[in-house]
C-alpha atoms as a PDB file:
ATOM      1  CA  MET A   1       0.000   0.000   0.000  1.00  0.00           C
ATOM      2  CA  ILE A   2       1.315   3.485  -0.940  1.00  0.00           C
ATOM      3  CA  PRO A   3       1.576   5.757   2.138  1.00  0.00           C
ATOM      4  CA  ILE A   4      -1.050   8.498   2.140  1.00  0.00           C
ATOM      5  CA  ILE A   5       1.580  11.285   2.261  1.00  0.00           C
ATOM      6  CA  THR A   6       3.471   9.821  -0.714  1.00  0.00           C
ATOM      7  CA  GLN A   7       0.238   9.399  -2.665  1.00  0.00           C
ATOM      8  CA  TYR A   8      -0.712  13.001  -1.935  1.00  0.00           C
ATOM      9  CA  LYS A   9       2.702  14.238  -3.149  1.00  0.00           C
ATOM     10  CA  HIS A  10       2.274  12.287  -6.391  1.00  0.00           C
ATOM     11  CA  GLN A  11      -1.145  13.855  -6.923  1.00  0.00           C
ATOM     12  CA  GLU A  12       0.176  17.368  -6.291  1.00  0.00           C
ATOM     13  CA  THR A  13       3.132  16.791  -8.644  1.00  0.00           C
ATOM     14  CA  GLY A  14       0.698  15.632 -11.328  1.00  0.00           C
ATOM     15  CA  ILE A  15      -1.424  18.747 -10.885  1.00  0.00           C
ATOM     16  CA  VAL A  16       1.613  21.038 -11.187  1.00  0.00           C
ATOM     17  CA  GLU A  17       2.693  19.222 -14.360  1.00  0.00           C
ATOM     18  CA  ALA A  18      -0.836  19.518 -15.761  1.00  0.00           C
ATOM     19  CA  MET A  19      -0.874  23.268 -15.096  1.00  0.00           C
ATOM     20  CA  HIS A  20       2.459  23.627 -16.889  1.00  0.00           C
ATOM     21  CA  PHE A  21       1.362  22.009 -20.153  1.00  0.00           C
ATOM     22  CA  LEU A  22      -2.163  23.446 -20.029  1.00  0.00           C
ATOM     23  CA  ARG A  23      -0.660  26.943 -19.935  1.00  0.00           C
ATOM     24  CA  ASN A  24       0.640  26.317 -23.488  1.00  0.00           C
ATOM     25  CA  VAL A  25      -2.770  25.274 -24.827  1.00  0.00           C
ATOM     26  CA  PRO A  26      -4.323  28.212 -26.755  1.00  0.00           C
ATOM     27  CA  ILE A  27      -7.746  28.091 -25.091  1.00  0.00           C
ATOM     28  CA  PHE A  28      -6.207  28.120 -21.598  1.00  0.00           C
ATOM     29  CA  SER A  29      -3.236  30.458 -22.140  1.00  0.00           C
ATOM     30  CA  ASP A  30      -4.831  33.674 -20.826  1.00  0.00           C
ATOM     31  CA  ILE A  31      -6.648  32.484 -17.715  1.00  0.00           C
ATOM     32  CA  GLU A  32      -5.633  33.058 -14.099  1.00  0.00           C
ATOM     33  CA  GLU A  33      -3.594  30.547 -12.078  1.00  0.00           C
ATOM     34  CA  SER A  34      -6.563  29.764  -9.828  1.00  0.00           C
ATOM     35  CA  GLU A  35      -8.709  28.948 -12.873  1.00  0.00           C
ATOM     36  CA  LEU A  36      -5.956  26.833 -14.400  1.00  0.00           C
ATOM     37  CA  LEU A  37      -5.658  24.927 -11.134  1.00  0.00           C
ATOM     38  CA  GLN A  38      -9.348  23.993 -11.313  1.00  0.00           C
ATOM     39  CA  ILE A  39      -8.896  22.621 -14.833  1.00  0.00           C
ATOM     40  CA  ALA A  40      -5.818  20.636 -13.791  1.00  0.00           C
ATOM     41  CA  ARG A  41      -7.731  19.065 -10.910  1.00  0.00           C
ATOM     42  CA  VAL A  42     -10.678  17.799 -12.979  1.00  0.00           C
ATOM     43  CA  GLY A  43      -8.700  16.305 -15.875  1.00  0.00           C
ATOM     44  CA  VAL A  44      -7.429  12.749 -16.350  1.00  0.00           C
ATOM     45  CA  ARG A  45      -4.246  11.686 -18.174  1.00  0.00           C
ATOM     46  CA  LYS A  46      -4.451   8.782 -20.628  1.00  0.00           C
ATOM     47  CA  LYS A  47      -1.786   7.066 -22.746  1.00  0.00           C
ATOM     48  CA  TYR A  48      -2.205   5.463 -26.175  1.00  0.00           C
ATOM     49  CA  LYS A  49       0.070   3.278 -28.270  1.00  0.00           C
ATOM     50  CA  ARG A  50       0.879   4.093 -31.881  1.00  0.00           C
ATOM     51  CA  GLY A  51      -2.031   3.053 -34.089  1.00  0.00           C
ATOM     52  CA  SER A  52      -4.566   3.085 -31.248  1.00  0.00           C
ATOM     53  CA  MET A  53      -8.066   4.377 -31.931  1.00  0.00           C
ATOM     54  CA  VAL A  54      -8.729   7.254 -29.535  1.00  0.00           C
ATOM     55  CA  LEU A  55     -12.193   8.291 -30.720  1.00  0.00           C
ATOM     56  CA  VAL A  56     -14.601   6.705 -33.184  1.00  0.00           C
ATOM     57  CA  GLU A  57     -16.730   8.643 -35.649  1.00  0.00           C
ATOM     58  CA  GLU A  58     -20.460   8.646 -34.779  1.00  0.00           C
ATOM     59  CA  GLU A  59     -19.946   7.790 -31.101  1.00  0.00           C
ATOM     60  CA  ILE A  60     -21.395  10.181 -28.518  1.00  0.00           C
ATOM     61  CA  GLY A  61     -18.888  12.763 -27.333  1.00  0.00           C
ATOM     62  CA  THR A  62     -18.244  12.762 -23.613  1.00  0.00           C
ATOM     63  CA  ALA A  63     -14.894  14.566 -23.259  1.00  0.00           C
ATOM     64  CA  LEU A  64     -12.452  17.138 -24.588  1.00  0.00           C
ATOM     65  CA  PHE A  65      -8.864  15.965 -25.158  1.00  0.00           C
ATOM     66  CA  VAL A  66      -5.605  17.954 -24.981  1.00  0.00           C
ATOM     67  CA  ILE A  67      -2.430  16.450 -26.448  1.00  0.00           C
ATOM     68  CA  ILE A  68       0.368  16.385 -23.878  1.00  0.00           C
ATOM     69  CA  SER A  69       2.815  14.571 -26.174  1.00  0.00           C
ATOM     70  CA  GLY A  70       2.687  12.678 -29.457  1.00  0.00           C
ATOM     71  CA  LYS A  71       0.597  13.140 -32.611  1.00  0.00           C
ATOM     72  CA  VAL A  72      -2.842  12.044 -33.788  1.00  0.00           C
ATOM     73  CA  LYS A  73      -4.651  12.123 -37.112  1.00  0.00           C
ATOM     74  CA  VAL A  74      -8.254  13.227 -37.593  1.00  0.00           C
ATOM     75  CA  ILE A  75      -9.888  10.963 -40.169  1.00  0.00           C
ATOM     76  CA  ARG A  76     -13.169  10.144 -41.873  1.00  0.00           C
ATOM     77  CA  SER A  77     -13.785   6.817 -43.629  1.00  0.00           C
ATOM     78  CA  ASP A  78     -16.298   5.649 -46.230  1.00  0.00           C
ATOM     79  CA  ASP A  79     -18.165   2.333 -46.308  1.00  0.00           C
ATOM     80  CA  ASP A  80     -15.299   0.729 -48.259  1.00  0.00           C
ATOM     81  CA  GLY A  81     -12.770   1.658 -45.579  1.00  0.00           C
ATOM     82  CA  ARG A  82     -11.086   4.376 -47.627  1.00  0.00           C
ATOM     83  CA  GLU A  83      -9.668   7.056 -45.377  1.00  0.00           C
ATOM     84  CA  VAL A  84      -9.466  10.822 -45.700  1.00  0.00           C
ATOM     85  CA  ILE A  85      -7.201  12.643 -43.254  1.00  0.00           C
ATOM     86  CA  LEU A  86      -8.652  15.992 -42.246  1.00  0.00           C
ATOM     87  CA  SER A  87      -5.693  17.119 -40.144  1.00  0.00           C
ATOM     88  CA  ILE A  88      -2.781  16.020 -37.998  1.00  0.00           C
ATOM     89  CA  LEU A  89      -2.586  17.397 -34.460  1.00  0.00           C
ATOM     90  CA  GLY A  90       0.409  17.597 -32.145  1.00  0.00           C
ATOM     91  CA  GLU A  91       1.477  18.764 -28.712  1.00  0.00           C
ATOM     92  CA  ASN A  92      -0.796  21.421 -27.119  1.00  0.00           C
ATOM     93  CA  ASP A  93      -3.555  20.879 -29.685  1.00  0.00           C
ATOM     94  CA  PHE A  94      -7.009  19.780 -28.571  1.00  0.00           C
ATOM     95  CA  PHE A  95      -9.903  17.867 -30.103  1.00  0.00           C
ATOM     96  CA  GLY A  96     -13.399  16.629 -29.291  1.00  0.00           C
ATOM     97  CA  GLU A  97     -14.867  20.089 -28.739  1.00  0.00           C
ATOM     98  CA  MET A  98     -17.596  19.918 -31.411  1.00  0.00           C
ATOM     99  CA  ALA A  99     -19.479  16.978 -29.912  1.00  0.00           C
ATOM    100  CA  ILE A 100     -19.192  18.554 -26.469  1.00  0.00           C
ATOM    101  CA  LEU A 101     -20.686  21.849 -27.620  1.00  0.00           C
ATOM    102  CA  ASP A 102     -23.592  20.561 -29.717  1.00  0.00           C
ATOM    103  CA  GLY A 103     -24.200  17.263 -27.910  1.00  0.00           C
ATOM    104  CA  LEU A 104     -24.189  15.325 -31.192  1.00  0.00           C
ATOM    105  CA  ALA A 105     -22.064  12.356 -32.285  1.00  0.00           C
ATOM    106  CA  ARG A 106     -18.373  12.644 -33.134  1.00  0.00           C
ATOM    107  CA  SER A 107     -17.836  13.999 -36.650  1.00  0.00           C
ATOM    108  CA  ALA A 108     -14.545  12.143 -37.195  1.00  0.00           C
ATOM    109  CA  SER A 109     -12.300   9.443 -35.762  1.00  0.00           C
ATOM    110  CA  ILE A 110      -8.985  10.090 -34.007  1.00  0.00           C
ATOM    111  CA  VAL A 111      -6.022   7.700 -34.348  1.00  0.00           C
ATOM    112  CA  ALA A 112      -2.665   7.965 -32.556  1.00  0.00           C
ATOM    113  CA  ILE A 113       0.123   8.031 -35.153  1.00  0.00           C
ATOM    114  CA  THR A 114       2.844   8.020 -32.493  1.00  0.00           C
ATOM    115  CA  LYS A 115       2.967   7.063 -28.832  1.00  0.00           C
ATOM    116  CA  THR A 116       0.616   9.664 -27.357  1.00  0.00           C
ATOM    117  CA  GLU A 117      -0.412  11.010 -23.970  1.00  0.00           C
ATOM    118  CA  LEU A 118      -3.655  12.958 -23.600  1.00  0.00           C
ATOM    119  CA  PHE A 119      -5.344  15.066 -20.937  1.00  0.00           C
ATOM    120  CA  MET A 120      -9.088  14.355 -20.848  1.00  0.00           C
ATOM    121  CA  ILE A 121     -11.718  16.749 -19.468  1.00  0.00           C
ATOM    122  CA  HIS A 122     -15.238  15.344 -19.135  1.00  0.00           C
ATOM    123  CA  ARG A 123     -18.066  17.167 -20.903  1.00  0.00           C
ATOM    124  CA  ARG A 124     -19.844  18.300 -17.744  1.00  0.00           C
ATOM    125  CA  ASP A 125     -16.606  19.768 -16.328  1.00  0.00           C
ATOM    126  CA  PHE A 126     -15.691  21.543 -19.570  1.00  0.00           C
ATOM    127  CA  LEU A 127     -19.164  23.047 -20.018  1.00  0.00           C
ATOM    128  CA  LYS A 128     -18.960  24.271 -16.426  1.00  0.00           C
ATOM    129  CA  LEU A 129     -15.610  25.920 -17.239  1.00  0.00           C
ATOM    130  CA  LEU A 130     -17.160  27.717 -20.217  1.00  0.00           C
ATOM    131  CA  HIS A 131     -19.948  29.094 -18.013  1.00  0.00           C
ATOM    132  CA  GLU A 132     -17.669  30.135 -15.168  1.00  0.00           C
ATOM    133  CA  TYR A 133     -14.689  31.459 -17.165  1.00  0.00           C
ATOM    134  CA  PRO A 134     -15.721  33.486 -20.259  1.00  0.00           C
ATOM    135  CA  THR A 135     -12.065  33.865 -21.289  1.00  0.00           C
ATOM    136  CA  VAL A 136     -11.975  30.140 -22.073  1.00  0.00           C
ATOM    137  CA  ALA A 137     -15.141  30.410 -24.192  1.00  0.00           C
ATOM    138  CA  ILE A 138     -13.730  33.398 -26.124  1.00  0.00           C
ATOM    139  CA  ALA A 139     -10.407  31.634 -26.724  1.00  0.00           C
ATOM    140  CA  LEU A 140     -12.276  28.531 -27.910  1.00  0.00           C
ATOM    141  CA  LEU A 141     -14.268  30.612 -30.413  1.00  0.00           C
ATOM    142  CA  LYS A 142     -11.050  32.128 -31.765  1.00  0.00           C
ATOM    143  CA  GLU A 143      -9.492  28.682 -32.175  1.00  0.00           C
ATOM    144  CA  LEU A 144     -12.587  27.291 -33.910  1.00  0.00           C
ATOM    145  CA  THR A 145     -12.606  30.276 -36.274  1.00  0.00           C
ATOM    146  CA  MET A 146      -8.960  29.613 -37.123  1.00  0.00           C
ATOM    147  CA  ARG A 147      -9.788  25.980 -37.876  1.00  0.00           C
ATOM    148  CA  LEU A 148     -12.641  27.030 -40.147  1.00  0.00           C
ATOM    149  CA  ARG A 149     -10.272  29.288 -42.091  1.00  0.00           C
ATOM    150  CA  LYS A 150      -7.825  26.387 -42.482  1.00  0.00           C
ATOM    151  CA  ALA A 151     -10.649  24.155 -43.683  1.00  0.00           C
ATOM    152  CA  ASP A 152     -11.645  26.785 -46.260  1.00  0.00           C
ATOM    153  CA  THR A 153      -8.060  26.932 -47.516  1.00  0.00           C
ATOM    154  CA  GLN A 154      -7.876  23.144 -47.763  1.00  0.00           C
ATOM    155  CA  ILE A 155     -11.169  22.939 -49.667  1.00  0.00           C
ATOM    156  CA  LYS A 156      -9.977  25.619 -52.092  1.00  0.00           C
ATOM    157  CA  SER A 157      -6.705  23.750 -52.608  1.00  0.00           C
ATOM    158  CA  LEU A 158      -8.400  20.423 -53.286  1.00  0.00           C
ATOM    159  CA  SER A 159     -10.912  22.041 -55.626  1.00  0.00           C
ATOM    160  CA  LEU A 160      -8.855  24.505 -57.638  1.00  0.00           C
ATOM    161  CA  LYS A 161      -5.139  23.713 -57.456  1.00  0.00           C
ATOM    162  CA  ASP A 162      -3.040  21.305 -59.490  1.00  0.00           C
ATOM    163  CA  ALA A 163      -1.057  18.414 -57.950  1.00  0.00           C
ATOM    164  CA  ALA A 164       1.871  20.650 -56.968  1.00  0.00           C
ATOM    165  CA  GLY A 165      -0.464  23.143 -55.283  1.00  0.00           C
ATOM    166  CA  ARG A 166      -2.366  20.444 -53.371  1.00  0.00           C
ATOM    167  CA  VAL A 167       0.811  18.768 -52.099  1.00  0.00           C
ATOM    168  CA  ALA A 168       2.386  22.122 -51.198  1.00  0.00           C
ATOM    169  CA  ASN A 169      -0.767  23.080 -49.287  1.00  0.00           C
ATOM    170  CA  ILE A 170      -0.572  19.890 -47.215  1.00  0.00           C
ATOM    171  CA  ILE A 171       3.114  20.501 -46.446  1.00  0.00           C
ATOM    172  CA  LEU A 172       2.307  24.052 -45.358  1.00  0.00           C
ATOM    173  CA  GLN A 173      -0.571  22.761 -43.240  1.00  0.00           C
ATOM    174  CA  LEU A 174       1.773  20.332 -41.482  1.00  0.00           C
ATOM    175  CA  ALA A 175       4.289  23.147 -41.001  1.00  0.00           C
ATOM    176  CA  ASP A 176       1.637  25.288 -39.299  1.00  0.00           C
ATOM    177  CA  ASP A 177       0.263  22.434 -37.186  1.00  0.00           C
ATOM    178  CA  ILE A 178       3.340  20.482 -36.053  1.00  0.00           C
ATOM    179  CA  GLY A 179       6.380  22.261 -37.526  1.00  0.00           C
ATOM    180  CA  LYS A 180       9.162  24.052 -35.640  1.00  0.00           C
ATOM    181  CA  ILE A 181      10.286  27.424 -37.020  1.00  0.00           C
ATOM    182  CA  ARG A 182      13.985  28.276 -36.827  1.00  0.00           C
ATOM    183  CA  LYS A 183      15.244  31.404 -38.593  1.00  0.00           C
ATOM    184  CA  GLY A 184      12.756  31.182 -41.441  1.00  0.00           C
ATOM    185  CA  ARG A 185      13.200  27.429 -41.871  1.00  0.00           C
ATOM    186  CA  VAL A 186      10.486  25.059 -40.722  1.00  0.00           C
ATOM    187  CA  GLU A 187      11.304  21.531 -39.586  1.00  0.00           C
ATOM    188  CA  ILE A 188       8.581  18.886 -39.595  1.00  0.00           C
ATOM    189  CA  ASP A 189       9.705  15.984 -37.408  1.00  0.00           C
ATOM    190  CA  GLU A 190       8.307  12.467 -37.792  1.00  0.00           C
ATOM    191  CA  LEU A 191       6.823  13.160 -41.228  1.00  0.00           C
ATOM    192  CA  PRO A 192       3.598  11.187 -41.783  1.00  0.00           C
ATOM    193  CA  LEU A 193       3.674   8.211 -44.139  1.00  0.00           C
ATOM    194  CA  GLN A 194       3.301   8.961 -47.849  1.00  0.00           C
ATOM    195  CA  GLN A 195      -0.094   7.251 -47.849  1.00  0.00           C
ATOM    196  CA  ASP A 196      -1.247   9.559 -45.051  1.00  0.00           C
ATOM    197  CA  LEU A 197      -0.032  12.578 -47.020  1.00  0.00           C
ATOM    198  CA  ALA A 198      -1.816  11.247 -50.106  1.00  0.00           C
ATOM    199  CA  ASN A 199      -5.031  10.887 -48.110  1.00  0.00           C
ATOM    200  CA  MET A 200      -4.721  14.474 -46.935  1.00  0.00           C
ATOM    201  CA  ALA A 201      -4.025  15.854 -50.422  1.00  0.00           C
ATOM    202  CA  GLY A 202      -6.620  13.741 -52.215  1.00  0.00           C
ATOM    203  CA  THR A 203      -4.003  12.216 -54.507  1.00  0.00           C
ATOM    204  CA  SER A 204      -1.793   9.119 -54.831  1.00  0.00           C
ATOM    205  CA  ARG A 205       1.416   8.085 -53.046  1.00  0.00           C
ATOM    206  CA  GLU A 206       3.250   8.300 -56.376  1.00  0.00           C
ATOM    207  CA  THR A 207       2.132  11.898 -56.850  1.00  0.00           C
ATOM    208  CA  ILE A 208       3.244  12.794 -53.321  1.00  0.00           C
ATOM    209  CA  SER A 209       6.679  11.289 -53.955  1.00  0.00           C
ATOM    210  CA  ARG A 210       7.029  13.000 -57.332  1.00  0.00           C
ATOM    211  CA  MET A 211       5.977  16.438 -56.061  1.00  0.00           C
ATOM    212  CA  VAL A 212       8.156  16.281 -52.925  1.00  0.00           C
ATOM    213  CA  HIS A 213      11.210  15.364 -55.005  1.00  0.00           C
ATOM    214  CA  MET A 214      10.389  18.186 -57.435  1.00  0.00           C
ATOM    215  CA  PHE A 215      10.303  20.645 -54.515  1.00  0.00           C
ATOM    216  CA  ILE A 216      13.632  19.247 -53.306  1.00  0.00           C
ATOM    217  CA  ARG A 217      15.225  19.707 -56.758  1.00  0.00           C
ATOM    218  CA  LYS A 218      13.996  23.315 -56.798  1.00  0.00           C
ATOM    219  CA  GLY A 219      15.604  23.917 -53.406  1.00  0.00           C
ATOM    220  CA  HIS A 220      12.388  24.524 -51.520  1.00  0.00           C
ATOM    221  CA  LEU A 221      12.599  21.395 -49.351  1.00  0.00           C
ATOM    222  CA  GLU A 222      15.151  19.071 -47.750  1.00  0.00           C
ATOM    223  CA  LEU A 223      14.452  15.536 -46.580  1.00  0.00           C
ATOM    224  CA  GLN A 224      16.595  14.170 -43.740  1.00  0.00           C
ATOM    225  CA  ALA A 225      15.508  10.639 -42.777  1.00  0.00           C
ATOM    226  CA  ASN A 226      11.952  11.215 -41.504  1.00  0.00           C
ATOM    227  CA  LYS A 227      12.315  14.996 -41.144  1.00  0.00           C
ATOM    228  CA  LEU A 228      11.117  17.423 -43.812  1.00  0.00           C
ATOM    229  CA  ILE A 229      12.589  20.933 -43.897  1.00  0.00           C
ATOM    230  CA  ILE A 230      11.113  23.946 -45.683  1.00  0.00           C
ATOM    231  CA  ASN A 231      14.164  26.105 -46.399  1.00  0.00           C
ATOM    232  CA  ASP A 232      12.252  29.385 -46.786  1.00  0.00           C
ATOM    233  CA  TYR A 233       8.721  29.062 -45.390  1.00  0.00           C
ATOM    234  CA  GLU A 234       7.460  32.477 -46.561  1.00  0.00           C
ATOM    235  CA  LYS A 235       8.812  32.054 -50.111  1.00  0.00           C
ATOM    236  CA  PHE A 236       7.358  28.546 -50.427  1.00  0.00           C
ATOM    237  CA  LYS A 237       4.012  29.798 -49.120  1.00  0.00           C
ATOM    238  CA  SER A 238       3.941  32.730 -51.552  1.00  0.00           C
ATOM    239  CA  LEU A 239       4.641  30.435 -54.499  1.00  0.00           C
ATOM    240  CA  TYR A 240       2.075  27.726 -53.839  1.00  0.00           C
ATOM    241  CA  LEU A 241      -0.617  28.828 -51.393  1.00  0.00           C
END
């Protein structure tokens, strides 16, 4: 049996750690310490192996999830099992908010593409936070608006652009979502599989490979093992977005 004092210390350490990573989550970044403490106390940490299904499309939403570490993909599938990747989310991103807000079923499935740890806040607790702390509700609206703008850009790319434009748009989307900016260069670690990129761009693996190598020949990109580097993010964006 774990001594009560030791157990209490472990709980307090966990709460402090939760407050630290929650501070970097956009919807919680501007709230007071006392408010952040309340969020840290009601959440639960959960771990998932690579390839694990976190949420299933059409199930009833009961929680909001914040990514502590790792990456997940947001997908929709048809009756034949063909998959479309809507986005890839990384550390400090969140998901599951739509079903919490409207009370309807999940609109997409979530799959862990790396070893992933999540912070889960139950629906009743999150709705209470929105009522008690308007700053969280305002920040959530801003984040949802940003996601809508990204979705509009993706739809435009899939509808109007050629293969190079569609693949470039997906690379830029990954750069914005999970990339690390260093002096104008953006590094995308643990690049998704070519099939995942193809599913995001609405094209084939062969097209992804051909377009990426074309960008490399033109000097826009570098590929180092499983890391993709955009040498000049702003220039690449101006050329293809």
